Amino acid sequence: MRRSGGYLWALVLCALFALAVLDAIALASPGHRSAPRPGASHARGCKRKAHTRAHLRQRSRCPLPRGGSKRAHAKVSPTSPAPSGGSSHTGPSSGAPAAPTLSSPAPAPALPGPSEPSKAPSSTPPSIPHVQVTAVEYHFTLSRTTVPAGKVIFDFVNHGQDEHNLNVAPGEEPTVGSLANAPAKGVEQLQLQLRPGTYTLFCSLPEHEKKGMKATLVVE
């Protein structure tokens, strides 16, 4: 009996030793995986509930599982910063043209002041002085005895009963112009260009000048 009892204790010790060796080998092997933590199942349940709209508030209270993706963390956190290098949606795009800048308007040119009205040249020529020579038997009467130098118009009016004529001569020199015999009550006209000096007006019919049919005109 003693031998059989000692044999059983030896078998029990060998079995315990073999179990201890197996446990040590299992712990030392690289493929050994640690047991899941108690909070992992709870995190998985919260993640499933976050997909529904009714449990959206509860999702923010659930702790995130360790090793979760950065994308899921970015969805949960409302204040996550934008990734570096990304362009802002509110800023202008790099290819968009810049807004035109408003430049100050150029000063308006000064308006010219009112100019004095220019004197238009007279369309009518300057008036020509007229000298009326009235002839009666043996007498000449002039409407004026002085005229300016230049053009002069002689209006010869014969109020006599006979024919008479008109001649214009500068002093004792030859005549510069003359009118043919005008009948009684006839009117003739003569235009001459006279220089300054004294001119004699007379009738050239025989004895008419000696009888007094002459007059003197001064051209200034």
C-alpha atoms as a PDB file:
ATOM      1  CA  MET A   1       0.000   0.000   0.000  1.00  0.00           C
ATOM      2  CA  ARG A   2       2.795   2.383   0.809  1.00  0.00           C
ATOM      3  CA  ARG A   3       4.374   1.715  -2.561  1.00  0.00           C
ATOM      4  CA  SER A   4       1.153   2.409  -4.461  1.00  0.00           C
ATOM      5  CA  GLY A   5       0.579   5.683  -2.533  1.00  0.00           C
ATOM      6  CA  GLY A   6       4.110   6.907  -3.291  1.00  0.00           C
ATOM      7  CA  TYR A   7       3.638   6.075  -6.898  1.00  0.00           C
ATOM      8  CA  LEU A   8       0.468   8.238  -7.134  1.00  0.00           C
ATOM      9  CA  TRP A   9       2.179  11.251  -5.559  1.00  0.00           C
ATOM     10  CA  ALA A  10       4.995  10.973  -8.040  1.00  0.00           C
ATOM     11  CA  LEU A  11       2.505  10.962 -10.928  1.00  0.00           C
ATOM     12  CA  VAL A  12       0.737  14.067  -9.532  1.00  0.00           C
ATOM     13  CA  LEU A  13       4.010  15.947  -9.169  1.00  0.00           C
ATOM     14  CA  CYS A  14       5.051  15.028 -12.691  1.00  0.00           C
ATOM     15  CA  ALA A  15       1.717  16.229 -14.053  1.00  0.00           C
ATOM     16  CA  LEU A  16       1.984  19.569 -12.206  1.00  0.00           C
ATOM     17  CA  PHE A  17       5.522  20.017 -13.450  1.00  0.00           C
ATOM     18  CA  ALA A  18       4.447  19.300 -17.023  1.00  0.00           C
ATOM     19  CA  LEU A  19       1.630  21.868 -16.765  1.00  0.00           C
ATOM     20  CA  ALA A  20       4.020  24.474 -15.405  1.00  0.00           C
ATOM     21  CA  VAL A  21       6.427  23.837 -18.308  1.00  0.00           C
ATOM     22  CA  LEU A  22       3.618  24.141 -20.834  1.00  0.00           C
ATOM     23  CA  ASP A  23       2.426  27.421 -19.323  1.00  0.00           C
ATOM     24  CA  ALA A  24       5.953  28.815 -19.429  1.00  0.00           C
ATOM     25  CA  ILE A  25       6.338  27.809 -23.083  1.00  0.00           C
ATOM     26  CA  ALA A  26       2.992  29.357 -23.969  1.00  0.00           C
ATOM     27  CA  LEU A  27       3.891  32.667 -22.297  1.00  0.00           C
ATOM     28  CA  ALA A  28       7.302  32.796 -23.966  1.00  0.00           C
ATOM     29  CA  SER A  29       5.960  32.126 -27.519  1.00  0.00           C
ATOM     30  CA  PRO A  30       5.746  35.266 -29.933  1.00  0.00           C
ATOM     31  CA  GLY A  31       2.254  34.371 -31.134  1.00  0.00           C
ATOM     32  CA  HIS A  32       0.825  34.784 -27.668  1.00  0.00           C
ATOM     33  CA  ARG A  33      -1.891  37.372 -27.546  1.00  0.00           C
ATOM     34  CA  SER A  34      -2.955  39.185 -24.472  1.00  0.00           C
ATOM     35  CA  ALA A  35      -6.514  38.854 -23.379  1.00  0.00           C
ATOM     36  CA  PRO A  36      -8.834  41.632 -24.431  1.00  0.00           C
ATOM     37  CA  ARG A  37      -9.376  44.339 -21.921  1.00  0.00           C
ATOM     38  CA  PRO A  38     -12.750  44.699 -20.375  1.00  0.00           C
ATOM     39  CA  GLY A  39     -13.300  48.200 -21.878  1.00  0.00           C
ATOM     40  CA  ALA A  40     -12.866  47.052 -25.495  1.00  0.00           C
ATOM     41  CA  SER A  41     -16.304  45.451 -25.756  1.00  0.00           C
ATOM     42  CA  HIS A  42     -17.872  48.585 -24.314  1.00  0.00           C
ATOM     43  CA  ALA A  43     -16.077  50.765 -26.886  1.00  0.00           C
ATOM     44  CA  ARG A  44     -17.239  48.535 -29.720  1.00  0.00           C
ATOM     45  CA  GLY A  45     -20.807  48.820 -28.576  1.00  0.00           C
ATOM     46  CA  CYS A  46     -20.577  52.595 -28.432  1.00  0.00           C
ATOM     47  CA  LYS A  47     -19.106  52.725 -31.935  1.00  0.00           C
ATOM     48  CA  ARG A  48     -22.032  50.732 -33.306  1.00  0.00           C
ATOM     49  CA  LYS A  49     -24.524  52.977 -31.587  1.00  0.00           C
ATOM     50  CA  ALA A  50     -22.843  56.136 -33.004  1.00  0.00           C
ATOM     51  CA  HIS A  51     -24.059  55.301 -36.535  1.00  0.00           C
ATOM     52  CA  THR A  52     -27.665  55.845 -35.600  1.00  0.00           C
ATOM     53  CA  ARG A  53     -29.152  59.344 -35.268  1.00  0.00           C
ATOM     54  CA  ALA A  54     -30.840  58.568 -31.955  1.00  0.00           C
ATOM     55  CA  HIS A  55     -27.503  57.765 -30.216  1.00  0.00           C
ATOM     56  CA  LEU A  56     -25.511  60.734 -31.656  1.00  0.00           C
ATOM     57  CA  ARG A  57     -25.229  62.451 -28.303  1.00  0.00           C
ATOM     58  CA  GLN A  58     -24.203  59.248 -26.564  1.00  0.00           C
ATOM     59  CA  ARG A  59     -21.326  58.840 -29.077  1.00  0.00           C
ATOM     60  CA  SER A  60     -19.535  61.900 -27.736  1.00  0.00           C
ATOM     61  CA  ARG A  61     -19.607  60.385 -24.256  1.00  0.00           C
ATOM     62  CA  CYS A  62     -18.181  57.024 -25.300  1.00  0.00           C
ATOM     63  CA  PRO A  63     -14.403  56.669 -24.998  1.00  0.00           C
ATOM     64  CA  LEU A  64     -12.548  56.029 -28.213  1.00  0.00           C
ATOM     65  CA  PRO A  65     -10.769  52.695 -28.588  1.00  0.00           C
ATOM     66  CA  ARG A  66      -7.041  52.732 -28.492  1.00  0.00           C
ATOM     67  CA  GLY A  67      -5.363  52.534 -31.855  1.00  0.00           C
ATOM     68  CA  GLY A  68      -8.420  54.017 -33.624  1.00  0.00           C
ATOM     69  CA  SER A  69      -7.980  55.711 -37.004  1.00  0.00           C
ATOM     70  CA  LYS A  70      -7.328  59.432 -37.181  1.00  0.00           C
ATOM     71  CA  ARG A  71     -10.273  59.818 -39.500  1.00  0.00           C
ATOM     72  CA  ALA A  72     -12.752  58.617 -36.862  1.00  0.00           C
ATOM     73  CA  HIS A  73     -11.174  60.946 -34.305  1.00  0.00           C
ATOM     74  CA  ALA A  74     -11.525  63.853 -36.671  1.00  0.00           C
ATOM     75  CA  LYS A  75     -15.256  63.124 -37.137  1.00  0.00           C
ATOM     76  CA  VAL A  76     -15.941  62.998 -33.403  1.00  0.00           C
ATOM     77  CA  SER A  77     -13.930  66.080 -32.428  1.00  0.00           C
ATOM     78  CA  PRO A  78     -15.705  69.256 -33.686  1.00  0.00           C
ATOM     79  CA  THR A  79     -12.651  71.390 -33.012  1.00  0.00           C
ATOM     80  CA  SER A  80     -10.085  69.318 -34.899  1.00  0.00           C
ATOM     81  CA  PRO A  81      -7.679  71.569 -36.824  1.00  0.00           C
ATOM     82  CA  ALA A  82      -7.606  71.403 -40.596  1.00  0.00           C
ATOM     83  CA  PRO A  83      -4.816  69.291 -42.065  1.00  0.00           C
ATOM     84  CA  SER A  84      -1.701  71.210 -42.913  1.00  0.00           C
ATOM     85  CA  GLY A  85      -1.294  72.070 -46.561  1.00  0.00           C
ATOM     86  CA  GLY A  86      -5.075  72.001 -47.236  1.00  0.00           C
ATOM     87  CA  SER A  87      -6.698  75.071 -48.719  1.00  0.00           C
ATOM     88  CA  SER A  88      -9.470  76.852 -46.811  1.00  0.00           C
ATOM     89  CA  HIS A  89     -12.964  76.734 -48.337  1.00  0.00           C
ATOM     90  CA  THR A  90     -13.658  80.356 -47.456  1.00  0.00           C
ATOM     91  CA  GLY A  91     -10.454  81.839 -48.915  1.00  0.00           C
ATOM     92  CA  PRO A  92     -10.080  82.757 -52.577  1.00  0.00           C
ATOM     93  CA  SER A  93      -8.720  80.082 -54.875  1.00  0.00           C
ATOM     94  CA  SER A  94      -5.229  80.471 -56.196  1.00  0.00           C
ATOM     95  CA  GLY A  95      -6.444  80.541 -59.813  1.00  0.00           C
ATOM     96  CA  ALA A  96      -9.231  83.123 -59.249  1.00  0.00           C
ATOM     97  CA  PRO A  97      -8.442  86.660 -60.502  1.00  0.00           C
ATOM     98  CA  ALA A  98      -7.841  89.263 -57.857  1.00  0.00           C
ATOM     99  CA  ALA A  99     -10.571  91.831 -57.286  1.00  0.00           C
ATOM    100  CA  PRO A 100      -9.867  95.125 -59.089  1.00  0.00           C
ATOM    101  CA  THR A 101      -8.741  97.911 -56.845  1.00  0.00           C
ATOM    102  CA  LEU A 102     -10.579 101.178 -57.081  1.00  0.00           C
ATOM    103  CA  SER A 103      -8.222 103.972 -57.982  1.00  0.00           C
ATOM    104  CA  SER A 104      -8.901 107.581 -57.214  1.00  0.00           C
ATOM    105  CA  PRO A 105     -10.502 109.443 -60.158  1.00  0.00           C
ATOM    106  CA  ALA A 106      -8.248 111.688 -62.159  1.00  0.00           C
ATOM    107  CA  PRO A 107      -8.792 115.405 -61.529  1.00  0.00           C
ATOM    108  CA  ALA A 108     -11.136 116.939 -64.052  1.00  0.00           C
ATOM    109  CA  PRO A 109      -9.442 119.365 -66.437  1.00  0.00           C
ATOM    110  CA  ALA A 110     -10.005 122.994 -65.653  1.00  0.00           C
ATOM    111  CA  LEU A 111     -12.700 124.490 -67.811  1.00  0.00           C
ATOM    112  CA  PRO A 112     -11.630 127.553 -69.761  1.00  0.00           C
ATOM    113  CA  GLY A 113     -13.101 130.770 -68.582  1.00  0.00           C
ATOM    114  CA  PRO A 114     -15.529 132.768 -70.685  1.00  0.00           C
ATOM    115  CA  SER A 115     -13.616 134.269 -73.516  1.00  0.00           C
ATOM    116  CA  GLU A 116     -14.342 137.642 -74.890  1.00  0.00           C
ATOM    117  CA  PRO A 117     -16.459 137.500 -78.025  1.00  0.00           C
ATOM    118  CA  SER A 118     -14.274 137.948 -81.033  1.00  0.00           C
ATOM    119  CA  LYS A 119     -15.144 140.839 -83.236  1.00  0.00           C
ATOM    120  CA  ALA A 120     -16.389 139.482 -86.501  1.00  0.00           C
ATOM    121  CA  PRO A 121     -15.117 141.339 -89.506  1.00  0.00           C
ATOM    122  CA  SER A 122     -17.661 143.643 -90.970  1.00  0.00           C
ATOM    123  CA  SER A 123     -19.277 142.148 -94.030  1.00  0.00           C
ATOM    124  CA  THR A 124     -20.182 145.543 -95.415  1.00  0.00           C
ATOM    125  CA  PRO A 125     -17.412 147.697 -96.857  1.00  0.00           C
ATOM    126  CA  PRO A 126     -16.736 151.057 -95.257  1.00  0.00           C
ATOM    127  CA  SER A 127     -19.063 153.741 -96.445  1.00  0.00           C
ATOM    128  CA  ILE A 128     -17.846 155.927 -99.339  1.00  0.00           C
ATOM    129  CA  PRO A 129     -18.405 159.643 -98.936  1.00  0.00           C
ATOM    130  CA  HIS A 130     -20.798 161.253-101.421  1.00  0.00           C
ATOM    131  CA  VAL A 131     -20.538 164.769-102.770  1.00  0.00           C
ATOM    132  CA  GLN A 132     -23.640 166.171-104.484  1.00  0.00           C
ATOM    133  CA  VAL A 133     -22.860 168.742-107.203  1.00  0.00           C
ATOM    134  CA  THR A 134     -25.896 170.834-108.178  1.00  0.00           C
ATOM    135  CA  ALA A 135     -25.566 172.724-111.488  1.00  0.00           C
ATOM    136  CA  VAL A 136     -27.610 175.717-112.583  1.00  0.00           C
ATOM    137  CA  GLU A 137     -26.821 178.258-115.203  1.00  0.00           C
ATOM    138  CA  TYR A 138     -23.375 179.423-114.425  1.00  0.00           C
ATOM    139  CA  HIS A 139     -23.093 178.163-110.861  1.00  0.00           C
ATOM    140  CA  PHE A 140     -21.949 174.936-108.983  1.00  0.00           C
ATOM    141  CA  THR A 141     -23.142 174.161-105.443  1.00  0.00           C
ATOM    142  CA  LEU A 142     -21.446 171.362-103.352  1.00  0.00           C
ATOM    143  CA  SER A 143     -23.159 169.450-100.560  1.00  0.00           C
ATOM    144  CA  ARG A 144     -19.777 169.297 -98.767  1.00  0.00           C
ATOM    145  CA  THR A 145     -16.416 170.921 -99.397  1.00  0.00           C
ATOM    146  CA  THR A 146     -14.119 168.491 -97.512  1.00  0.00           C
ATOM    147  CA  VAL A 147     -13.795 164.709 -97.842  1.00  0.00           C
ATOM    148  CA  PRO A 148     -11.216 162.126 -96.643  1.00  0.00           C
ATOM    149  CA  ALA A 149      -8.710 160.712 -99.113  1.00  0.00           C
ATOM    150  CA  GLY A 150      -9.779 157.599-100.963  1.00  0.00           C
ATOM    151  CA  LYS A 151     -12.860 156.752-102.906  1.00  0.00           C
ATOM    152  CA  VAL A 152     -15.345 159.585-103.462  1.00  0.00           C
ATOM    153  CA  ILE A 153     -18.683 159.426-105.286  1.00  0.00           C
ATOM    154  CA  PHE A 154     -19.946 162.554-107.101  1.00  0.00           C
ATOM    155  CA  ASP A 155     -23.715 162.857-107.630  1.00  0.00           C
ATOM    156  CA  PHE A 156     -24.148 165.380-110.442  1.00  0.00           C
ATOM    157  CA  VAL A 157     -27.626 166.946-110.615  1.00  0.00           C
ATOM    158  CA  ASN A 158     -28.421 169.367-113.481  1.00  0.00           C
ATOM    159  CA  HIS A 159     -31.144 171.761-112.357  1.00  0.00           C
ATOM    160  CA  GLY A 160     -30.427 174.180-115.245  1.00  0.00           C
ATOM    161  CA  GLN A 161     -32.244 174.646-118.500  1.00  0.00           C
ATOM    162  CA  ASP A 162     -29.203 173.750-120.662  1.00  0.00           C
ATOM    163  CA  GLU A 163     -26.827 170.810-120.812  1.00  0.00           C
ATOM    164  CA  HIS A 164     -23.870 170.838-118.409  1.00  0.00           C
ATOM    165  CA  ASN A 165     -20.971 168.519-117.562  1.00  0.00           C
ATOM    166  CA  LEU A 166     -18.587 167.864-114.660  1.00  0.00           C
ATOM    167  CA  ASN A 167     -14.776 167.744-114.617  1.00  0.00           C
ATOM    168  CA  VAL A 168     -12.459 167.119-111.612  1.00  0.00           C
ATOM    169  CA  ALA A 169      -8.853 168.415-111.735  1.00  0.00           C
ATOM    170  CA  PRO A 170      -6.197 168.699-108.968  1.00  0.00           C
ATOM    171  CA  GLY A 171      -5.377 172.427-109.152  1.00  0.00           C
ATOM    172  CA  GLU A 172      -3.889 173.385-112.520  1.00  0.00           C
ATOM    173  CA  GLU A 173      -3.155 169.773-113.530  1.00  0.00           C
ATOM    174  CA  PRO A 174      -5.098 167.728-116.057  1.00  0.00           C
ATOM    175  CA  THR A 175      -8.423 166.313-114.979  1.00  0.00           C
ATOM    176  CA  VAL A 176      -8.559 162.957-113.146  1.00  0.00           C
ATOM    177  CA  GLY A 177     -12.195 162.283-114.062  1.00  0.00           C
ATOM    178  CA  SER A 178     -15.185 163.753-115.882  1.00  0.00           C
ATOM    179  CA  LEU A 179     -18.876 163.263-116.768  1.00  0.00           C
ATOM    180  CA  ALA A 180     -20.388 163.808-120.236  1.00  0.00           C
ATOM    181  CA  ASN A 181     -23.032 166.426-120.844  1.00  0.00           C
ATOM    182  CA  ALA A 182     -26.122 165.827-118.714  1.00  0.00           C
ATOM    183  CA  PRO A 183     -29.464 167.045-120.035  1.00  0.00           C
ATOM    184  CA  ALA A 184     -31.667 169.447-118.090  1.00  0.00           C
ATOM    185  CA  LYS A 185     -33.052 167.809-114.939  1.00  0.00           C
ATOM    186  CA  GLY A 186     -30.662 164.894-115.545  1.00  0.00           C
ATOM    187  CA  VAL A 187     -28.669 163.030-112.836  1.00  0.00           C
ATOM    188  CA  GLU A 188     -25.301 161.340-113.345  1.00  0.00           C
ATOM    189  CA  GLN A 189     -22.825 159.644-110.969  1.00  0.00           C
ATOM    190  CA  LEU A 190     -19.009 159.492-110.960  1.00  0.00           C
ATOM    191  CA  GLN A 191     -16.659 157.544-108.620  1.00  0.00           C
ATOM    192  CA  LEU A 192     -12.998 158.535-108.271  1.00  0.00           C
ATOM    193  CA  GLN A 193      -9.952 157.585-106.137  1.00  0.00           C
ATOM    194  CA  LEU A 194      -8.592 160.892-104.808  1.00  0.00           C
ATOM    195  CA  ARG A 195      -5.336 161.665-103.036  1.00  0.00           C
ATOM    196  CA  PRO A 196      -4.984 164.445-100.464  1.00  0.00           C
ATOM    197  CA  GLY A 197      -4.987 167.917-102.081  1.00  0.00           C
ATOM    198  CA  THR A 198      -7.201 170.650-103.492  1.00  0.00           C
ATOM    199  CA  TYR A 199      -9.409 169.834-106.493  1.00  0.00           C
ATOM    200  CA  THR A 200     -11.331 172.109-108.892  1.00  0.00           C
ATOM    201  CA  LEU A 201     -14.769 171.051-110.154  1.00  0.00           C
ATOM    202  CA  PHE A 202     -15.944 172.858-113.340  1.00  0.00           C
ATOM    203  CA  CYS A 203     -18.074 172.693-116.520  1.00  0.00           C
ATOM    204  CA  SER A 204     -15.995 172.497-119.710  1.00  0.00           C
ATOM    205  CA  LEU A 205     -18.616 173.977-122.076  1.00  0.00           C
ATOM    206  CA  PRO A 206     -17.438 177.258-123.706  1.00  0.00           C
ATOM    207  CA  GLU A 207     -17.487 180.235-121.370  1.00  0.00           C
ATOM    208  CA  HIS A 208     -19.281 178.288-118.605  1.00  0.00           C
ATOM    209  CA  GLU A 209     -16.257 178.098-116.242  1.00  0.00           C
ATOM    210  CA  LYS A 210     -15.472 181.807-116.754  1.00  0.00           C
ATOM    211  CA  LYS A 211     -19.072 182.640-115.969  1.00  0.00           C
ATOM    212  CA  GLY A 212     -18.801 180.931-112.617  1.00  0.00           C
ATOM    213  CA  MET A 213     -19.641 177.241-113.081  1.00  0.00           C
ATOM    214  CA  LYS A 214     -16.842 175.959-110.849  1.00  0.00           C
ATOM    215  CA  ALA A 215     -16.196 174.985-107.176  1.00  0.00           C
ATOM    216  CA  THR A 216     -13.289 173.887-104.916  1.00  0.00           C
ATOM    217  CA  LEU A 217     -13.087 170.521-103.010  1.00  0.00           C
ATOM    218  CA  VAL A 218     -10.447 169.745-100.344  1.00  0.00           C
ATOM    219  CA  VAL A 219      -9.329 166.126 -99.922  1.00  0.00           C
ATOM    220  CA  GLU A 220      -7.610 165.499 -96.601  1.00  0.00           C
END
